[in-house]
């Protein structure tokens, strides 16, 4: 599992961990504050720390729904205000869950879902049945080659710690994700790279 480190001066600048108690993802909250204050991320390709993971670890007290909610709110705070519209890349369970988790204002910006699965594409749309709106919102489901950026890519990861990752990606050219040094206004506003969180 990746981890991160920073200088004591930067730690003091960002602020202390949220010691709200068991079930508070203080590392994620600190990381988001780090990004809000202009911090970046640089990959170090060697092991600097060895730690033990065990069933009684405090990390198990953090609910997946807590992590999901924080990630969605961070996405809505940091990326979505810059975009008039966007496409959710994944018409499956994770993409639909993201759509339902967004605020009504953010849901109105979703112009389509896109996917590679022909069965999902042939259905043609996703209807948000739980919506109180009338008529209920129907979002088109397109083949990814027909979709337009920017994208929010929803991926289910086979991991003990991390169940989901969102990536914001702006270009389908080459159909690959580009590396990003971190979340910054230039990256998000120019839509050149993706931001994972």
C-alpha atoms as a PDB file:
ATOM      1  CA  UNK A   1       0.000   0.000   0.000  1.00  0.00           C
ATOM      2  CA  UNK A   2       1.470   3.394  -0.888  1.00  0.00           C
ATOM      3  CA  UNK A   3       2.158   5.908   1.839  1.00  0.00           C
ATOM      4  CA  UNK A   4       3.453   9.480   1.842  1.00  0.00           C
ATOM      5  CA  UNK A   5       5.690  11.817   3.794  1.00  0.00           C
ATOM      6  CA  UNK A   6       6.434  15.535   4.051  1.00  0.00           C
ATOM      7  CA  UNK A   7       8.688  17.939   5.927  1.00  0.00           C
ATOM      8  CA  UNK A   8       7.869  19.026   9.487  1.00  0.00           C
ATOM      9  CA  UNK A   9       7.489  22.625   8.239  1.00  0.00           C
ATOM     10  CA  UNK A  10       4.902  21.562   5.648  1.00  0.00           C
ATOM     11  CA  UNK A  11       3.092  19.424   8.216  1.00  0.00           C
ATOM     12  CA  UNK A  12       2.853  22.461  10.504  1.00  0.00           C
ATOM     13  CA  UNK A  13       1.608  24.593   7.591  1.00  0.00           C
ATOM     14  CA  UNK A  14      -1.129  22.124   6.633  1.00  0.00           C
ATOM     15  CA  UNK A  15      -2.205  21.610  10.218  1.00  0.00           C
ATOM     16  CA  UNK A  16      -2.424  18.682  12.599  1.00  0.00           C
ATOM     17  CA  UNK A  17      -4.250  15.419  12.033  1.00  0.00           C
ATOM     18  CA  UNK A  18      -7.931  15.375  12.891  1.00  0.00           C
ATOM     19  CA  UNK A  19      -7.907  13.336  16.089  1.00  0.00           C
ATOM     20  CA  UNK A  20     -11.679  12.894  16.050  1.00  0.00           C
ATOM     21  CA  UNK A  21     -11.327   9.344  17.256  1.00  0.00           C
ATOM     22  CA  UNK A  22     -11.914   5.876  15.958  1.00  0.00           C
ATOM     23  CA  UNK A  23     -13.446   5.835  12.481  1.00  0.00           C
ATOM     24  CA  UNK A  24     -12.011   9.205  11.381  1.00  0.00           C
ATOM     25  CA  UNK A  25      -9.737   8.864   8.305  1.00  0.00           C
ATOM     26  CA  UNK A  26      -7.264  11.456   9.591  1.00  0.00           C
ATOM     27  CA  UNK A  27      -4.660  10.643   6.941  1.00  0.00           C
ATOM     28  CA  UNK A  28      -7.126  11.212   4.090  1.00  0.00           C
ATOM     29  CA  UNK A  29      -8.391  14.453   5.650  1.00  0.00           C
ATOM     30  CA  UNK A  30      -4.791  15.661   6.069  1.00  0.00           C
ATOM     31  CA  UNK A  31      -3.981  14.711   2.465  1.00  0.00           C
ATOM     32  CA  UNK A  32      -6.952  16.655   1.109  1.00  0.00           C
ATOM     33  CA  UNK A  33      -5.956  19.704   3.165  1.00  0.00           C
ATOM     34  CA  UNK A  34      -2.410  19.303   1.787  1.00  0.00           C
ATOM     35  CA  UNK A  35      -3.828  19.470  -1.750  1.00  0.00           C
ATOM     36  CA  UNK A  36      -6.080  22.438  -0.900  1.00  0.00           C
ATOM     37  CA  UNK A  37      -3.024  24.362   0.306  1.00  0.00           C
ATOM     38  CA  UNK A  38      -1.164  23.763  -2.949  1.00  0.00           C
ATOM     39  CA  UNK A  39       0.767  20.622  -2.047  1.00  0.00           C
ATOM     40  CA  UNK A  40       1.721  18.178  -4.753  1.00  0.00           C
ATOM     41  CA  UNK A  41       2.650  14.524  -4.991  1.00  0.00           C
ATOM     42  CA  UNK A  42       5.903  13.086  -6.308  1.00  0.00           C
ATOM     43  CA  UNK A  43       6.457   9.337  -6.582  1.00  0.00           C
ATOM     44  CA  UNK A  44       9.473   7.774  -4.857  1.00  0.00           C
ATOM     45  CA  UNK A  45      10.254   4.404  -6.444  1.00  0.00           C
ATOM     46  CA  UNK A  46      11.883   2.711  -3.474  1.00  0.00           C
ATOM     47  CA  UNK A  47      10.751   1.445  -0.114  1.00  0.00           C
ATOM     48  CA  UNK A  48      11.375   3.956   2.650  1.00  0.00           C
ATOM     49  CA  UNK A  49       9.184   2.424   5.328  1.00  0.00           C
ATOM     50  CA  UNK A  50       8.075  -1.047   6.387  1.00  0.00           C
ATOM     51  CA  UNK A  51       4.996  -1.347   8.550  1.00  0.00           C
ATOM     52  CA  UNK A  52       2.834  -4.163   9.799  1.00  0.00           C
ATOM     53  CA  UNK A  53      -0.740  -4.571   8.673  1.00  0.00           C
ATOM     54  CA  UNK A  54      -2.912  -6.643  11.015  1.00  0.00           C
ATOM     55  CA  UNK A  55      -6.623  -7.367  11.558  1.00  0.00           C
ATOM     56  CA  UNK A  56      -6.794  -5.199  14.708  1.00  0.00           C
ATOM     57  CA  UNK A  57      -5.425  -2.107  12.924  1.00  0.00           C
ATOM     58  CA  UNK A  58      -7.352   1.130  13.485  1.00  0.00           C
ATOM     59  CA  UNK A  59      -7.743   1.515   9.722  1.00  0.00           C
ATOM     60  CA  UNK A  60     -10.501  -1.123   9.843  1.00  0.00           C
ATOM     61  CA  UNK A  61     -12.630   1.234  11.953  1.00  0.00           C
ATOM     62  CA  UNK A  62     -12.977   3.645   9.027  1.00  0.00           C
ATOM     63  CA  UNK A  63     -16.131   2.787   7.118  1.00  0.00           C
ATOM     64  CA  UNK A  64     -15.987   2.501   3.342  1.00  0.00           C
ATOM     65  CA  UNK A  65     -19.005   4.821   3.163  1.00  0.00           C
ATOM     66  CA  UNK A  66     -17.051   7.487   5.073  1.00  0.00           C
ATOM     67  CA  UNK A  67     -14.164   7.287   2.593  1.00  0.00           C
ATOM     68  CA  UNK A  68     -16.586   7.332  -0.365  1.00  0.00           C
ATOM     69  CA  UNK A  69     -18.439  10.400   0.924  1.00  0.00           C
ATOM     70  CA  UNK A  70     -15.206  12.321   1.566  1.00  0.00           C
ATOM     71  CA  UNK A  71     -13.894  11.482  -1.911  1.00  0.00           C
ATOM     72  CA  UNK A  72     -17.099  12.566  -3.631  1.00  0.00           C
ATOM     73  CA  UNK A  73     -17.215  15.849  -1.683  1.00  0.00           C
ATOM     74  CA  UNK A  74     -13.546  16.526  -2.515  1.00  0.00           C
ATOM     75  CA  UNK A  75     -14.257  15.842  -6.192  1.00  0.00           C
ATOM     76  CA  UNK A  76     -17.194  18.269  -6.071  1.00  0.00           C
ATOM     77  CA  UNK A  77     -15.105  20.891  -4.288  1.00  0.00           C
ATOM     78  CA  UNK A  78     -11.890  20.695  -6.311  1.00  0.00           C
ATOM     79  CA  UNK A  79     -12.722  19.614  -9.876  1.00  0.00           C
ATOM     80  CA  UNK A  80     -16.384  19.869 -10.759  1.00  0.00           C
ATOM     81  CA  UNK A  81     -16.759  23.647 -10.199  1.00  0.00           C
ATOM     82  CA  UNK A  82     -14.297  24.196 -13.078  1.00  0.00           C
ATOM     83  CA  UNK A  83     -16.379  22.179 -15.519  1.00  0.00           C
ATOM     84  CA  UNK A  84     -19.671  23.089 -17.161  1.00  0.00           C
ATOM     85  CA  UNK A  85     -20.275  19.417 -18.015  1.00  0.00           C
ATOM     86  CA  UNK A  86     -18.501  16.069 -17.671  1.00  0.00           C
ATOM     87  CA  UNK A  87     -18.833  12.375 -18.536  1.00  0.00           C
ATOM     88  CA  UNK A  88     -18.713   9.513 -16.032  1.00  0.00           C
ATOM     89  CA  UNK A  89     -16.551   6.738 -17.437  1.00  0.00           C
ATOM     90  CA  UNK A  90     -18.228   3.568 -16.126  1.00  0.00           C
ATOM     91  CA  UNK A  91     -21.896   2.841 -16.667  1.00  0.00           C
ATOM     92  CA  UNK A  92     -21.709  -0.014 -14.178  1.00  0.00           C
ATOM     93  CA  UNK A  93     -22.327  -0.122 -10.451  1.00  0.00           C
ATOM     94  CA  UNK A  94     -19.521   2.279  -9.485  1.00  0.00           C
ATOM     95  CA  UNK A  95     -20.419   4.916 -12.066  1.00  0.00           C
ATOM     96  CA  UNK A  96     -24.087   4.815 -11.123  1.00  0.00           C
ATOM     97  CA  UNK A  97     -23.184   4.986  -7.438  1.00  0.00           C
ATOM     98  CA  UNK A  98     -21.060   8.062  -8.100  1.00  0.00           C
ATOM     99  CA  UNK A  99     -23.914   9.706 -10.014  1.00  0.00           C
ATOM    100  CA  UNK A 100     -26.369   9.063  -7.178  1.00  0.00           C
ATOM    101  CA  UNK A 101     -23.841  10.359  -4.607  1.00  0.00           C
ATOM    102  CA  UNK A 102     -23.391  13.716  -6.331  1.00  0.00           C
ATOM    103  CA  UNK A 103     -25.372  16.767  -5.309  1.00  0.00           C
ATOM    104  CA  UNK A 104     -28.264  17.699  -7.604  1.00  0.00           C
ATOM    105  CA  UNK A 105     -26.176  20.573  -8.987  1.00  0.00           C
ATOM    106  CA  UNK A 106     -23.309  18.226  -9.894  1.00  0.00           C
ATOM    107  CA  UNK A 107     -25.673  15.594 -11.348  1.00  0.00           C
ATOM    108  CA  UNK A 108     -27.020  18.217 -13.762  1.00  0.00           C
ATOM    109  CA  UNK A 109     -23.484  18.563 -15.183  1.00  0.00           C
ATOM    110  CA  UNK A 110     -23.305  14.861 -16.144  1.00  0.00           C
ATOM    111  CA  UNK A 111     -23.927  14.724 -19.896  1.00  0.00           C
ATOM    112  CA  UNK A 112     -23.322  10.984 -20.307  1.00  0.00           C
ATOM    113  CA  UNK A 113     -21.924   7.752 -18.999  1.00  0.00           C
ATOM    114  CA  UNK A 114     -19.465   5.933 -21.231  1.00  0.00           C
ATOM    115  CA  UNK A 115     -18.283   2.339 -21.193  1.00  0.00           C
ATOM    116  CA  UNK A 116     -16.748  -0.467 -23.238  1.00  0.00           C
ATOM    117  CA  UNK A 117     -19.420  -3.035 -22.299  1.00  0.00           C
ATOM    118  CA  UNK A 118     -21.778  -3.441 -25.269  1.00  0.00           C
ATOM    119  CA  UNK A 119     -24.648  -4.593 -23.023  1.00  0.00           C
ATOM    120  CA  UNK A 120     -24.549  -1.326 -21.073  1.00  0.00           C
ATOM    121  CA  UNK A 121     -24.171   0.733 -24.239  1.00  0.00           C
ATOM    122  CA  UNK A 122     -27.104  -1.014 -25.970  1.00  0.00           C
ATOM    123  CA  UNK A 123     -29.421  -0.097 -23.099  1.00  0.00           C
ATOM    124  CA  UNK A 124     -28.834   3.499 -24.216  1.00  0.00           C
ATOM    125  CA  UNK A 125     -29.405   5.378 -20.960  1.00  0.00           C
ATOM    126  CA  UNK A 126     -29.368   5.261 -17.172  1.00  0.00           C
ATOM    127  CA  UNK A 127     -32.559   6.351 -15.396  1.00  0.00           C
ATOM    128  CA  UNK A 128     -32.089   7.712 -11.872  1.00  0.00           C
ATOM    129  CA  UNK A 129     -35.137   5.987 -10.380  1.00  0.00           C
ATOM    130  CA  UNK A 130     -34.575   7.347  -6.843  1.00  0.00           C
ATOM    131  CA  UNK A 131     -34.738  10.951  -8.021  1.00  0.00           C
ATOM    132  CA  UNK A 132     -37.602  13.150  -6.841  1.00  0.00           C
ATOM    133  CA  UNK A 133     -37.413  15.076 -10.131  1.00  0.00           C
ATOM    134  CA  UNK A 134     -40.145  14.611 -12.719  1.00  0.00           C
ATOM    135  CA  UNK A 135     -39.472  13.421 -15.280  1.00  0.00           C
ATOM    136  CA  UNK A 136     -36.742  11.253 -13.741  1.00  0.00           C
ATOM    137  CA  UNK A 137     -33.274  12.078 -15.103  1.00  0.00           C
ATOM    138  CA  UNK A 138     -32.173   9.841 -17.981  1.00  0.00           C
ATOM    139  CA  UNK A 139     -28.458  10.001 -18.762  1.00  0.00           C
ATOM    140  CA  UNK A 140     -27.209   8.602 -22.104  1.00  0.00           C
ATOM    141  CA  UNK A 141     -24.760   5.671 -22.083  1.00  0.00           C
ATOM    142  CA  UNK A 142     -22.232   5.958 -24.913  1.00  0.00           C
ATOM    143  CA  UNK A 143     -19.317   3.972 -26.274  1.00  0.00           C
ATOM    144  CA  UNK A 144     -16.153   5.546 -24.870  1.00  0.00           C
ATOM    145  CA  UNK A 145     -15.004   6.624 -28.350  1.00  0.00           C
ATOM    146  CA  UNK A 146     -18.184   8.704 -28.733  1.00  0.00           C
ATOM    147  CA  UNK A 147     -17.848  10.345 -25.318  1.00  0.00           C
ATOM    148  CA  UNK A 148     -16.485  13.842 -24.751  1.00  0.00           C
ATOM    149  CA  UNK A 149     -14.083  14.972 -22.016  1.00  0.00           C
ATOM    150  CA  UNK A 150     -13.628  15.838 -19.284  1.00  0.00           C
ATOM    151  CA  UNK A 151     -14.151  12.441 -17.640  1.00  0.00           C
ATOM    152  CA  UNK A 152     -14.504  11.199 -14.106  1.00  0.00           C
ATOM    153  CA  UNK A 153     -13.300   7.602 -14.276  1.00  0.00           C
ATOM    154  CA  UNK A 154     -14.687   5.189 -11.676  1.00  0.00           C
ATOM    155  CA  UNK A 155     -12.695   2.033 -11.083  1.00  0.00           C
ATOM    156  CA  UNK A 156     -13.327  -0.768  -8.609  1.00  0.00           C
ATOM    157  CA  UNK A 157      -9.949  -1.847  -7.258  1.00  0.00           C
ATOM    158  CA  UNK A 158      -9.312  -5.363  -5.941  1.00  0.00           C
ATOM    159  CA  UNK A 159      -7.702  -4.149  -2.719  1.00  0.00           C
ATOM    160  CA  UNK A 160      -8.137  -4.734   0.988  1.00  0.00           C
ATOM    161  CA  UNK A 161      -7.665  -1.039   1.780  1.00  0.00           C
ATOM    162  CA  UNK A 162      -8.959   0.888  -1.191  1.00  0.00           C
ATOM    163  CA  UNK A 163     -12.228  -0.074  -2.824  1.00  0.00           C
ATOM    164  CA  UNK A 164     -12.559   2.794  -5.268  1.00  0.00           C
ATOM    165  CA  UNK A 165     -10.527   5.440  -6.991  1.00  0.00           C
ATOM    166  CA  UNK A 166     -11.723   8.409  -8.983  1.00  0.00           C
ATOM    167  CA  UNK A 167      -9.596   9.769 -11.749  1.00  0.00           C
ATOM    168  CA  UNK A 168     -10.317  12.946 -13.569  1.00  0.00           C
ATOM    169  CA  UNK A 169      -9.051  12.697 -17.113  1.00  0.00           C
ATOM    170  CA  UNK A 170      -9.507  15.040 -19.977  1.00  0.00           C
ATOM    171  CA  UNK A 171      -8.392  13.356 -23.125  1.00  0.00           C
ATOM    172  CA  UNK A 172      -9.178  10.072 -24.788  1.00  0.00           C
ATOM    173  CA  UNK A 173      -6.308  10.500 -27.241  1.00  0.00           C
ATOM    174  CA  UNK A 174      -4.349   7.293 -27.147  1.00  0.00           C
ATOM    175  CA  UNK A 175      -6.896   5.913 -24.666  1.00  0.00           C
ATOM    176  CA  UNK A 176      -4.446   6.008 -21.781  1.00  0.00           C
ATOM    177  CA  UNK A 177      -4.145   7.886 -18.540  1.00  0.00           C
ATOM    178  CA  UNK A 178      -1.373  10.426 -18.202  1.00  0.00           C
ATOM    179  CA  UNK A 179       0.634  10.784 -14.984  1.00  0.00           C
ATOM    180  CA  UNK A 180      -0.145  13.714 -12.739  1.00  0.00           C
ATOM    181  CA  UNK A 181       2.211  15.221 -10.157  1.00  0.00           C
ATOM    182  CA  UNK A 182      -0.731  16.158  -7.965  1.00  0.00           C
ATOM    183  CA  UNK A 183      -3.879  18.200  -7.815  1.00  0.00           C
ATOM    184  CA  UNK A 184      -3.264  21.743  -8.931  1.00  0.00           C
ATOM    185  CA  UNK A 185      -5.346  24.419 -10.551  1.00  0.00           C
ATOM    186  CA  UNK A 186      -3.375  24.297 -13.785  1.00  0.00           C
ATOM    187  CA  UNK A 187      -3.864  20.527 -14.197  1.00  0.00           C
ATOM    188  CA  UNK A 188      -7.569  20.678 -13.459  1.00  0.00           C
ATOM    189  CA  UNK A 189      -8.297  23.800 -15.472  1.00  0.00           C
ATOM    190  CA  UNK A 190      -6.419  22.714 -18.585  1.00  0.00           C
ATOM    191  CA  UNK A 191      -7.754  19.142 -18.408  1.00  0.00           C
ATOM    192  CA  UNK A 192      -4.409  17.718 -19.506  1.00  0.00           C
ATOM    193  CA  UNK A 193      -3.832  15.119 -16.859  1.00  0.00           C
ATOM    194  CA  UNK A 194      -5.801  13.079 -14.397  1.00  0.00           C
ATOM    195  CA  UNK A 195      -6.009  13.508 -10.669  1.00  0.00           C
ATOM    196  CA  UNK A 196      -6.383  10.381  -8.547  1.00  0.00           C
ATOM    197  CA  UNK A 197      -7.685  10.493  -5.026  1.00  0.00           C
END
